[in-house]
Amino acid sequence: MAEFEERGIPTLETPPSVLTQQYTSYRNAILIDQIQSAVEAAIERAASSTTARSTESALLDGLLKVRALSVELRESGSVASLPN
């Protein structure tokens, strides 16, 4: 639909470029919320751990989740990352 918009052919009431921008903003907000939740969960698990090993494991799990979500967040700006 963006192709039609570029040619000046009307498609939707809201232009596809605006919809894509809104979708990206919503997606980024959700990913940021997930990152914050992952950090809080890791800290909570680490605080309730009884050994140094379990504390390390809890923090490492949280770090890996944050890292994966950060990659998604970085890639969310590209149109290729939008679901079909």
Protein backbone atom coordinates (compact mmCIF):
# COMPACT_ATOMS: atom_id res chain seq x y z
CA MET A 1 0.00 0.00 0.00
CA ALA A 2 2.91 2.33 0.60
CA GLU A 3 3.68 1.92 -3.09
CA PHE A 4 0.26 3.29 -3.98
CA GLU A 5 0.67 6.13 -1.51
CA GLU A 6 3.95 7.12 -3.17
CA ARG A 7 2.19 7.25 -6.53
CA GLY A 8 -0.56 9.44 -5.08
CA ILE A 9 -3.22 6.72 -5.32
CA PRO A 10 -5.59 6.87 -2.34
CA THR A 11 -5.74 3.65 -0.31
CA LEU A 12 -6.98 4.19 3.22
CA GLU A 13 -8.28 7.13 5.19
CA THR A 14 -5.06 7.09 7.19
CA PRO A 15 -2.01 6.92 4.89
CA PRO A 16 0.01 3.69 5.10
CA SER A 17 3.15 5.64 6.09
CA VAL A 18 1.34 7.03 9.15
CA LEU A 19 0.06 3.57 10.08
CA THR A 20 3.57 2.15 9.80
CA GLN A 21 4.94 4.93 12.01
CA GLN A 22 2.20 4.39 14.62
CA TYR A 23 2.76 0.63 14.59
CA THR A 24 6.49 1.10 15.09
CA SER A 25 5.90 3.48 18.01
CA TYR A 26 3.49 1.06 19.70
CA ARG A 27 5.85 -1.86 19.14
CA ASN A 28 8.78 0.07 20.60
CA ALA A 29 6.73 1.02 23.66
CA ILE A 30 5.81 -2.63 24.22
CA LEU A 31 9.44 -3.74 23.83
CA ILE A 32 10.61 -1.08 26.31
CA ASP A 33 7.99 -2.27 28.81
CA GLN A 34 9.19 -5.85 28.33
CA ILE A 35 12.80 -4.79 28.91
CA GLN A 36 11.84 -3.02 32.13
CA SER A 37 9.86 -6.07 33.29
CA ALA A 38 12.79 -8.39 32.50
CA VAL A 39 15.16 -6.20 34.54
CA GLU A 40 12.77 -6.04 37.49
CA ALA A 41 12.16 -9.80 37.39
CA ALA A 42 15.90 -10.53 37.27
CA ILE A 43 16.59 -8.24 40.21
CA GLU A 44 13.73 -9.77 42.18
CA ARG A 45 14.94 -13.32 41.47
CA ALA A 46 18.51 -12.37 42.35
CA ALA A 47 17.40 -10.77 45.62
CA SER A 48 15.55 -13.89 46.67
CA SER A 49 18.40 -16.23 45.69
CA THR A 50 20.15 -18.11 48.46
CA THR A 51 23.50 -18.74 46.79
CA ALA A 52 25.92 -16.71 44.72
CA ARG A 53 25.46 -19.15 41.85
CA SER A 54 21.66 -18.75 41.78
CA THR A 55 22.04 -14.96 42.01
CA GLU A 56 24.41 -15.02 39.07
CA SER A 57 22.06 -17.27 37.12
CA ALA A 58 19.06 -15.00 37.76
CA LEU A 59 20.95 -11.91 36.64
CA LEU A 60 22.40 -13.66 33.59
CA ASP A 61 18.94 -14.85 32.50
CA GLY A 62 17.66 -11.30 32.83
CA LEU A 63 20.60 -9.93 30.89
CA LEU A 64 20.04 -12.38 28.04
CA LYS A 65 16.36 -11.42 27.84
CA VAL A 66 17.24 -7.73 27.81
CA ARG A 67 19.82 -8.32 25.11
CA ALA A 68 17.35 -10.20 22.88
CA LEU A 69 14.69 -7.53 23.36
CA SER A 70 17.23 -4.79 22.64
CA VAL A 71 18.08 -6.39 19.31
CA GLU A 72 14.37 -6.48 18.46
CA LEU A 73 14.05 -2.85 19.48
CA ARG A 74 16.95 -1.82 17.26
CA GLU A 75 15.51 -3.74 14.32
CA SER A 76 11.96 -2.48 14.85
CA GLY A 77 12.64 0.67 12.85
CA SER A 78 13.02 -1.23 9.59
CA VAL A 79 10.04 -2.05 7.44
CA ALA A 80 11.46 -5.55 6.94
CA SER A 81 10.83 -6.26 10.62
CA LEU A 82 7.08 -5.72 10.27
CA PRO A 83 5.02 -8.93 10.32
CA ASN A 84 3.41 -10.00 7.06
